[in-house]
C-alpha atoms as a PDB file:
ATOM      1  CA  MET A   1       0.311  25.250  25.162  1.00  0.00           C
ATOM      2  CA  PRO A   2       3.494  26.733  23.580  1.00  0.00           C
ATOM      3  CA  PRO A   3       6.766  24.939  24.308  1.00  0.00           C
ATOM      4  CA  GLY A   4       9.090  26.645  26.737  1.00  0.00           C
ATOM      5  CA  THR A   5       6.402  27.496  29.301  1.00  0.00           C
ATOM      6  CA  GLY A   6       7.815  25.039  31.801  1.00  0.00           C
ATOM      7  CA  GLN A   7       4.494  23.214  31.977  1.00  0.00           C
ATOM      8  CA  PRO A   8       4.151  19.501  31.073  1.00  0.00           C
ATOM      9  CA  ALA A   9       2.574  18.684  27.736  1.00  0.00           C
ATOM     10  CA  THR A  10       1.674  15.652  25.671  1.00  0.00           C
ATOM     11  CA  LEU A  11       3.138  15.613  22.137  1.00  0.00           C
ATOM     12  CA  TRP A  12       2.176  13.319  19.272  1.00  0.00           C
ATOM     13  CA  ALA A  13       1.785  12.719  15.540  1.00  0.00           C
ATOM     14  CA  PRO A  14       4.610  14.873  14.105  1.00  0.00           C
ATOM     15  CA  ASP A  15       4.862  15.419  10.352  1.00  0.00           C
ATOM     16  CA  VAL A  16       8.228  16.661   9.048  1.00  0.00           C
ATOM     17  CA  VAL A  17       8.509  18.242   5.589  1.00  0.00           C
ATOM     18  CA  CYS A  18      11.481  19.824   3.786  1.00  0.00           C
ATOM     19  CA  ILE A  19      10.421  23.326   2.692  1.00  0.00           C
ATOM     20  CA  GLY A  20      12.707  26.076   1.394  1.00  0.00           C
ATOM     21  CA  GLY A  21      15.934  24.390   2.441  1.00  0.00           C
ATOM     22  CA  GLN A  22      14.862  23.679   6.011  1.00  0.00           C
ATOM     23  CA  TRP A  23      12.824  21.091   7.843  1.00  0.00           C
ATOM     24  CA  ILE A  24       9.428  22.101   9.197  1.00  0.00           C
ATOM     25  CA  MET A  25       7.741  19.982  11.865  1.00  0.00           C
ATOM     26  CA  TYR A  26       3.989  20.125  12.433  1.00  0.00           C
ATOM     27  CA  LEU A  27       3.240  18.705  15.874  1.00  0.00           C
ATOM     28  CA  THR A  28       0.108  18.047  17.939  1.00  0.00           C
ATOM     29  CA  VAL A  29       0.298  19.489  21.485  1.00  0.00           C
ATOM     30  CA  LEU A  30      -2.048  18.830  24.412  1.00  0.00           C
ATOM     31  CA  PRO A  31      -1.497  20.505  27.790  1.00  0.00           C
ATOM     32  CA  GLY A  32      -0.598  18.232  30.679  1.00  0.00           C
ATOM     33  CA  VAL A  33       0.308  14.545  30.860  1.00  0.00           C
ATOM     34  CA  ARG A  34      -2.774  12.857  29.458  1.00  0.00           C
ATOM     35  CA  THR A  35      -4.510   9.842  30.959  1.00  0.00           C
ATOM     36  CA  ASP A  36      -7.651  10.201  28.822  1.00  0.00           C
ATOM     37  CA  TRP A  37      -8.767  11.614  25.461  1.00  0.00           C
ATOM     38  CA  THR A  38     -10.119  14.916  26.845  1.00  0.00           C
ATOM     39  CA  GLY A  39      -8.696  18.436  26.818  1.00  0.00           C
ATOM     40  CA  GLN A  40      -7.789  20.953  24.164  1.00  0.00           C
ATOM     41  CA  ALA A  41      -5.395  20.080  21.356  1.00  0.00           C
ATOM     42  CA  GLY A  42      -3.647  22.177  18.743  1.00  0.00           C
ATOM     43  CA  ILE A  43      -0.986  22.024  16.036  1.00  0.00           C
ATOM     44  CA  VAL A  44       2.300  23.942  16.337  1.00  0.00           C
ATOM     45  CA  GLN A  45       5.317  24.381  14.062  1.00  0.00           C
ATOM     46  CA  PHE A  46       9.068  24.038  14.497  1.00  0.00           C
ATOM     47  CA  ALA A  47      11.970  24.626  12.085  1.00  0.00           C
ATOM     48  CA  SER A  48      15.375  22.929  11.847  1.00  0.00           C
ATOM     49  CA  LYS A  49      18.392  22.954   9.552  1.00  0.00           C
ATOM     50  CA  ASP A  50      19.789  19.643  10.800  1.00  0.00           C
ATOM     51  CA  LEU A  51      16.828  17.643  12.198  1.00  0.00           C
ATOM     52  CA  GLU A  52      18.481  17.859  15.614  1.00  0.00           C
ATOM     53  CA  HIS A  53      18.031  21.430  16.825  1.00  0.00           C
ATOM     54  CA  TRP A  54      14.505  22.823  16.553  1.00  0.00           C
ATOM     55  CA  GLU A  55      13.190  26.392  16.774  1.00  0.00           C
ATOM     56  CA  TYR A  56       9.604  26.971  17.848  1.00  0.00           C
ATOM     57  CA  LEU A  57       7.738  29.017  15.222  1.00  0.00           C
ATOM     58  CA  GLY A  58       4.260  29.222  16.705  1.00  0.00           C
ATOM     59  CA  ALA A  59       0.797  27.703  16.685  1.00  0.00           C
ATOM     60  CA  VAL A  60      -1.471  27.254  13.685  1.00  0.00           C
ATOM     61  CA  ASP A  61      -4.908  28.845  14.144  1.00  0.00           C
ATOM     62  CA  LEU A  62      -7.417  26.325  12.800  1.00  0.00           C
ATOM     63  CA  ASP A  63     -10.473  27.801  14.523  1.00  0.00           C
ATOM     64  CA  SER A  64     -11.129  24.736  16.664  1.00  0.00           C
ATOM     65  CA  PRO A  65     -10.194  23.725  20.227  1.00  0.00           C
ATOM     66  CA  ARG A  66      -9.417  20.146  19.250  1.00  0.00           C
ATOM     67  CA  VAL A  67      -7.288  19.546  16.129  1.00  0.00           C
ATOM     68  CA  ILE A  68      -4.700  16.765  15.810  1.00  0.00           C
ATOM     69  CA  ASP A  69      -2.717  14.654  13.309  1.00  0.00           C
ATOM     70  CA  ALA A  70      -1.145  17.121  10.862  1.00  0.00           C
ATOM     71  CA  ALA A  71      -0.123  16.098   7.343  1.00  0.00           C
ATOM     72  CA  VAL A  72       1.496  18.598   4.950  1.00  0.00           C
ATOM     73  CA  ALA A  73       2.305  18.269   1.238  1.00  0.00           C
ATOM     74  CA  ARG A  74       2.801  20.438  -1.836  1.00  0.00           C
ATOM     75  CA  CYS A  75      -0.117  20.020  -4.213  1.00  0.00           C
ATOM     76  CA  GLY A  76      -0.489  20.052  -7.966  1.00  0.00           C
ATOM     77  CA  ASP A  77      -1.482  23.733  -7.939  1.00  0.00           C
ATOM     78  CA  GLY A  78       1.922  24.596  -6.419  1.00  0.00           C
ATOM     79  CA  ARG A  79       0.461  25.468  -3.013  1.00  0.00           C
ATOM     80  CA  TYR A  80       0.956  23.655   0.294  1.00  0.00           C
ATOM     81  CA  ARG A  81      -1.915  22.127   2.200  1.00  0.00           C
ATOM     82  CA  LEU A  82      -2.262  21.036   5.782  1.00  0.00           C
ATOM     83  CA  TRP A  83      -4.722  18.223   6.425  1.00  0.00           C
ATOM     84  CA  TYR A  84      -5.784  17.407   9.962  1.00  0.00           C
ATOM     85  CA  LYS A  85      -8.455  15.762  12.091  1.00  0.00           C
ATOM     86  CA  ASP A  86     -10.972  18.117  13.705  1.00  0.00           C
ATOM     87  CA  GLU A  87     -12.439  16.275  16.671  1.00  0.00           C
ATOM     88  CA  LYS A  88     -15.064  18.979  17.207  1.00  0.00           C
ATOM     89  CA  ARG A  89     -16.351  18.651  13.639  1.00  0.00           C
ATOM     90  CA  ASP A  90     -17.404  15.015  13.301  1.00  0.00           C
ATOM     91  CA  CYS A  91     -13.800  13.702  13.476  1.00  0.00           C
ATOM     92  CA  ASN A  92     -13.390  14.357   9.752  1.00  0.00           C
ATOM     93  CA  THR A  93     -10.331  15.508   7.811  1.00  0.00           C
ATOM     94  CA  PHE A  94     -10.166  19.256   7.146  1.00  0.00           C
ATOM     95  CA  SER A  95      -7.631  21.255   5.157  1.00  0.00           C
ATOM     96  CA  ALA A  96      -5.888  24.631   5.206  1.00  0.00           C
ATOM     97  CA  VAL A  97      -3.781  26.164   2.423  1.00  0.00           C
ATOM     98  CA  SER A  98      -0.642  28.327   2.387  1.00  0.00           C
ATOM     99  CA  ASP A  99       1.918  29.782  -0.018  1.00  0.00           C
ATOM    100  CA  THR A 100       4.425  30.246   2.826  1.00  0.00           C
ATOM    101  CA  PRO A 101       3.952  27.121   4.962  1.00  0.00           C
ATOM    102  CA  GLU A 102       6.945  27.903   7.165  1.00  0.00           C
ATOM    103  CA  ASP A 103       4.850  30.742   8.642  1.00  0.00           C
ATOM    104  CA  PRO A 104       2.252  29.416  11.133  1.00  0.00           C
ATOM    105  CA  ALA A 105       0.120  32.545  10.603  1.00  0.00           C
ATOM    106  CA  SER A 106      -0.146  31.985   6.839  1.00  0.00           C
ATOM    107  CA  TRP A 107      -2.577  29.056   6.872  1.00  0.00           C
ATOM    108  CA  VAL A 108      -6.057  29.798   5.509  1.00  0.00           C
ATOM    109  CA  LEU A 109      -8.887  27.392   6.301  1.00  0.00           C
ATOM    110  CA  GLU A 110     -10.539  25.635   3.359  1.00  0.00           C
ATOM    111  CA  GLY A 111     -13.028  23.294   5.021  1.00  0.00           C
ATOM    112  CA  VAL A 112     -13.742  19.587   5.080  1.00  0.00           C
ATOM    113  CA  ALA A 113     -11.637  17.435   2.737  1.00  0.00           C
ATOM    114  CA  ILE A 114     -12.829  13.930   3.693  1.00  0.00           C
ATOM    115  CA  PRO A 115     -16.359  13.861   5.178  1.00  0.00           C
ATOM    116  CA  GLY A 116     -18.486  10.966   6.395  1.00  0.00           C
ATOM    117  CA  ARG A 117     -17.318   8.163   8.655  1.00  0.00           C
ATOM    118  CA  PRO A 118     -15.112   9.383  11.568  1.00  0.00           C
ATOM    119  CA  HIS A 119     -11.401   8.809  11.063  1.00  0.00           C
ATOM    120  CA  GLU A 120      -7.961  10.228  11.898  1.00  0.00           C
ATOM    121  CA  GLY A 121      -4.307  10.263  10.867  1.00  0.00           C
ATOM    122  CA  PRO A 122      -4.399  11.622   7.281  1.00  0.00           C
ATOM    123  CA  LYS A 123      -1.290  11.163   5.157  1.00  0.00           C
ATOM    124  CA  VAL A 124      -0.910  12.535   1.616  1.00  0.00           C
ATOM    125  CA  PHE A 125       1.712  11.360  -0.867  1.00  0.00           C
ATOM    126  CA  ARG A 126       2.267  10.984  -4.596  1.00  0.00           C
ATOM    127  CA  LEU A 127       2.785   7.620  -6.261  1.00  0.00           C
ATOM    128  CA  ALA A 128       2.606   6.606  -9.944  1.00  0.00           C
ATOM    129  CA  GLY A 129       1.507  10.073 -11.022  1.00  0.00           C
ATOM    130  CA  THR A 130      -1.432  10.278  -8.599  1.00  0.00           C
ATOM    131  CA  TYR A 131      -1.929  11.940  -5.231  1.00  0.00           C
ATOM    132  CA  TRP A 132      -3.148   9.557  -2.539  1.00  0.00           C
ATOM    133  CA  MET A 133      -4.527  10.098   0.933  1.00  0.00           C
ATOM    134  CA  ILE A 134      -4.843   7.389   3.562  1.00  0.00           C
ATOM    135  CA  VAL A 135      -6.829   7.862   6.783  1.00  0.00           C
ATOM    136  CA  ASP A 136      -7.258   5.584   9.780  1.00  0.00           C
ATOM    137  CA  GLU A 137     -10.863   4.388  10.150  1.00  0.00           C
ATOM    138  CA  TRP A 138      -9.972   2.065  13.076  1.00  0.00           C
ATOM    139  CA  ARG A 139     -10.949  -0.870  10.854  1.00  0.00           C
ATOM    140  CA  GLY A 140      -8.049  -0.430   8.421  1.00  0.00           C
ATOM    141  CA  GLN A 141      -6.701   2.446   6.351  1.00  0.00           C
ATOM    142  CA  ALA A 142      -9.131   4.087   3.921  1.00  0.00           C
ATOM    143  CA  VAL A 143      -7.681   5.109   0.545  1.00  0.00           C
ATOM    144  CA  TYR A 144      -8.562   8.251  -1.442  1.00  0.00           C
ATOM    145  CA  ARG A 145      -7.093   9.623  -4.676  1.00  0.00           C
ATOM    146  CA  SER A 146      -6.879  13.013  -6.376  1.00  0.00           C
ATOM    147  CA  ASP A 147      -5.353  14.404  -9.554  1.00  0.00           C
ATOM    148  CA  ASP A 148      -3.900  17.436  -7.778  1.00  0.00           C
ATOM    149  CA  ALA A 149      -4.522  17.043  -4.000  1.00  0.00           C
ATOM    150  CA  ALA A 150      -6.135  20.490  -4.094  1.00  0.00           C
ATOM    151  CA  GLY A 151      -9.607  19.008  -3.607  1.00  0.00           C
ATOM    152  CA  ASN A 152     -12.087  16.500  -5.032  1.00  0.00           C
ATOM    153  CA  TRP A 153     -10.798  13.410  -3.264  1.00  0.00           C
ATOM    154  CA  THR A 154     -12.380  10.148  -4.480  1.00  0.00           C
ATOM    155  CA  ARG A 155     -12.523   7.022  -2.358  1.00  0.00           C
ATOM    156  CA  GLN A 156     -10.979   3.908  -3.872  1.00  0.00           C
ATOM    157  CA  GLU A 157     -13.617   1.267  -4.639  1.00  0.00           C
ATOM    158  CA  HIS A 158     -11.402  -1.816  -4.363  1.00  0.00           C
ATOM    159  CA  LEU A 159     -12.224  -3.756  -1.152  1.00  0.00           C
ATOM    160  CA  ASP A 160     -14.484  -0.947   0.069  1.00  0.00           C
ATOM    161  CA  GLY A 161     -11.542   1.427  -0.149  1.00  0.00           C
ATOM    162  CA  LEU A 162      -9.667  -0.245   2.716  1.00  0.00           C
ATOM    163  CA  ILE A 163      -6.177  -1.644   3.195  1.00  0.00           C
ATOM    164  CA  LEU A 164      -4.506  -3.141   6.290  1.00  0.00           C
ATOM    165  CA  THR A 165      -7.755  -4.607   7.583  1.00  0.00           C
ATOM    166  CA  ALA A 166      -5.983  -7.676   8.968  1.00  0.00           C
ATOM    167  CA  PRO A 167      -2.173  -7.462   8.694  1.00  0.00           C
ATOM    168  CA  GLU A 168      -1.869  -9.757  11.711  1.00  0.00           C
ATOM    169  CA  MET A 169      -4.030 -12.068  13.812  1.00  0.00           C
ATOM    170  CA  THR A 170      -4.223 -12.459  17.600  1.00  0.00           C
ATOM    171  CA  GLY A 171      -6.255 -15.194  19.231  1.00  0.00           C
ATOM    172  CA  GLY A 172      -8.008 -15.920  15.974  1.00  0.00           C
ATOM    173  CA  ARG A 173      -9.225 -12.338  15.466  1.00  0.00           C
ATOM    174  CA  PRO A 174      -7.942  -9.808  12.913  1.00  0.00           C
ATOM    175  CA  VAL A 175      -5.839  -6.888  14.110  1.00  0.00           C
ATOM    176  CA  VAL A 176      -6.052  -3.712  12.034  1.00  0.00           C
ATOM    177  CA  GLY A 177      -3.243  -1.407  10.948  1.00  0.00           C
ATOM    178  CA  ARG A 178      -3.364   2.036  12.560  1.00  0.00           C
ATOM    179  CA  HIS A 179      -2.172   5.615  11.891  1.00  0.00           C
ATOM    180  CA  ALA A 180       0.411   5.215   9.131  1.00  0.00           C
ATOM    181  CA  ASP A 181       3.211   7.141   7.424  1.00  0.00           C
ATOM    182  CA  VAL A 182       4.543   6.687   3.884  1.00  0.00           C
ATOM    183  CA  VAL A 183       8.166   6.728   2.665  1.00  0.00           C
ATOM    184  CA  PRO A 184       8.877   6.741  -1.107  1.00  0.00           C
ATOM    185  CA  LEU A 185      11.095   3.942  -2.423  1.00  0.00           C
ATOM    186  CA  SER A 186      13.254   3.752  -5.525  1.00  0.00           C
ATOM    187  CA  ALA A 187      11.596   2.180  -8.533  1.00  0.00           C
ATOM    188  CA  GLY A 188      12.180  -1.558  -8.843  1.00  0.00           C
ATOM    189  CA  GLU A 189      13.874  -3.384 -11.700  1.00  0.00           C
ATOM    190  CA  ASP A 190      10.497  -3.517 -13.436  1.00  0.00           C
ATOM    191  CA  GLY A 191      10.296   0.285 -13.327  1.00  0.00           C
ATOM    192  CA  ALA A 192       7.266   0.298 -11.029  1.00  0.00           C
ATOM    193  CA  GLU A 193       7.116   2.993  -8.365  1.00  0.00           C
ATOM    194  CA  ARG A 194       6.696   1.784  -4.817  1.00  0.00           C
ATOM    195  CA  ALA A 195       6.434   3.235  -1.327  1.00  0.00           C
ATOM    196  CA  LEU A 196       6.864   1.912   2.191  1.00  0.00           C
ATOM    197  CA  LEU A 197       3.815   2.167   4.443  1.00  0.00           C
ATOM    198  CA  VAL A 198       4.867   2.191   8.112  1.00  0.00           C
ATOM    199  CA  TYR A 199       2.118   1.686  10.690  1.00  0.00           C
ATOM    200  CA  PHE A 200       1.413   0.187  14.113  1.00  0.00           C
ATOM    201  CA  THR A 201      -1.006  -2.278  15.650  1.00  0.00           C
ATOM    202  CA  HIS A 202      -2.462  -2.922  19.109  1.00  0.00           C
ATOM    203  CA  PRO A 203      -2.613  -6.737  19.044  1.00  0.00           C
ATOM    204  CA  HIS A 204      -4.402  -7.029  22.392  1.00  0.00           C
ATOM    205  CA  TRP A 205      -6.567  -3.887  22.316  1.00  0.00           C
ATOM    206  CA  GLY A 206      -9.563  -3.450  20.072  1.00  0.00           C
ATOM    207  CA  GLY A 207      -9.904   0.306  20.409  1.00  0.00           C
ATOM    208  CA  GLU A 208     -12.141   0.555  23.472  1.00  0.00           C
ATOM    209  CA  ASP A 209     -11.872   3.466  25.897  1.00  0.00           C
ATOM    210  CA  ILE A 210      -8.309   4.078  27.064  1.00  0.00           C
ATOM    211  CA  GLY A 211      -9.368   3.104  30.599  1.00  0.00           C
ATOM    212  CA  ALA A 212      -9.732  -0.493  29.405  1.00  0.00           C
ATOM    213  CA  MET A 213      -5.935  -0.646  29.200  1.00  0.00           C
ATOM    214  CA  ASP A 214      -5.702  -0.634  32.982  1.00  0.00           C
ATOM    215  CA  ALA A 215      -7.310  -4.073  33.262  1.00  0.00           C
ATOM    216  CA  ASP A 216      -4.750  -5.963  31.166  1.00  0.00           C
ATOM    217  CA  PRO A 217      -1.132  -4.761  30.703  1.00  0.00           C
ATOM    218  CA  ARG A 218      -0.979  -6.581  27.353  1.00  0.00           C
ATOM    219  CA  THR A 219      -3.340  -3.992  25.868  1.00  0.00           C
ATOM    220  CA  ARG A 220      -0.502  -1.459  26.002  1.00  0.00           C
ATOM    221  CA  LEU A 221       1.617  -3.552  23.647  1.00  0.00           C
ATOM    222  CA  SER A 222       2.163  -2.131  20.149  1.00  0.00           C
ATOM    223  CA  HIS A 223       3.822  -3.581  17.062  1.00  0.00           C
ATOM    224  CA  VAL A 224       5.474  -1.372  14.428  1.00  0.00           C
ATOM    225  CA  ARG A 225       5.075  -2.939  11.000  1.00  0.00           C
ATOM    226  CA  ALA A 226       5.570  -2.045   7.334  1.00  0.00           C
ATOM    227  CA  ALA A 227       3.977  -2.853   3.998  1.00  0.00           C
ATOM    228  CA  VAL A 228       5.027  -2.130   0.411  1.00  0.00           C
ATOM    229  CA  LEU A 229       2.592   0.002  -1.568  1.00  0.00           C
ATOM    230  CA  GLU A 230       2.220  -0.233  -5.326  1.00  0.00           C
ATOM    231  CA  VAL A 231      -0.326   1.021  -7.844  1.00  0.00           C
ATOM    232  CA  ARG A 232      -1.708  -1.696 -10.104  1.00  0.00           C
ATOM    233  CA  ASP A 233      -4.313  -0.881 -12.739  1.00  0.00           C
ATOM    234  CA  GLY A 234      -5.061   2.356 -10.924  1.00  0.00           C
ATOM    235  CA  VAL A 235      -5.519   0.650  -7.544  1.00  0.00           C
ATOM    236  CA  LEU A 236      -3.301   1.329  -4.536  1.00  0.00           C
ATOM    237  CA  MET A 237      -2.413  -2.043  -3.032  1.00  0.00           C
ATOM    238  CA  CYS A 238      -0.324  -3.480  -0.195  1.00  0.00           C
ATOM    239  CA  MET A 239       1.993  -5.941  -1.878  1.00  0.00           C
ATOM    240  CA  GLU A 240       3.392  -7.486   1.308  1.00  0.00           C
ATOM    241  CA  HIS A 241       3.330  -6.945   5.057  1.00  0.00           C
END
């Protein structure tokens, strides 16, 4: 549902990228105030010069009634790609490509980028000369790598390709890290490139249906946490959390 209609909407998972001297926000929109996981969902775009005032640009047509969790980055081939979760296509990560990503009508569908086990929340970034993608498998973040981010993503083999499987413990059980973002950091004194991985946890909720949150108010509690990412011997690792 486009902003400005006067109707309530649920907004989540923004990704903000600097493109052509302005900031572009890619935002998931669901009509109404949601109390469950149902309903249509789409991705829209906004533009800003100052990160304070935003102009609505339009919706991205991704040929699906249920797409969420946008991630946008410029790839090694010089083109921009939009990765997102398609909940009507096995909850996998799909991609679209554009040479003018500030134009919502410019995106051309490419197809599935990360198949297999359902997941959400893709994030693509470059670290130590390699493109990386992390996705939330609800049991930790899965790690993929690519030479150019234009395709051919390979899952990391170290620890079954997972990080943040137990960044904290509650009542003796592990609590996983969920839907993350990545912020580049300056290289350390040793010259190694690092990045900050910011994520959240639900310490008292294991991921059951949202209705389970009504039984115990503690299940609505979230923690925002961070870990330092570094590439060692070709492996993306969390150095601390």
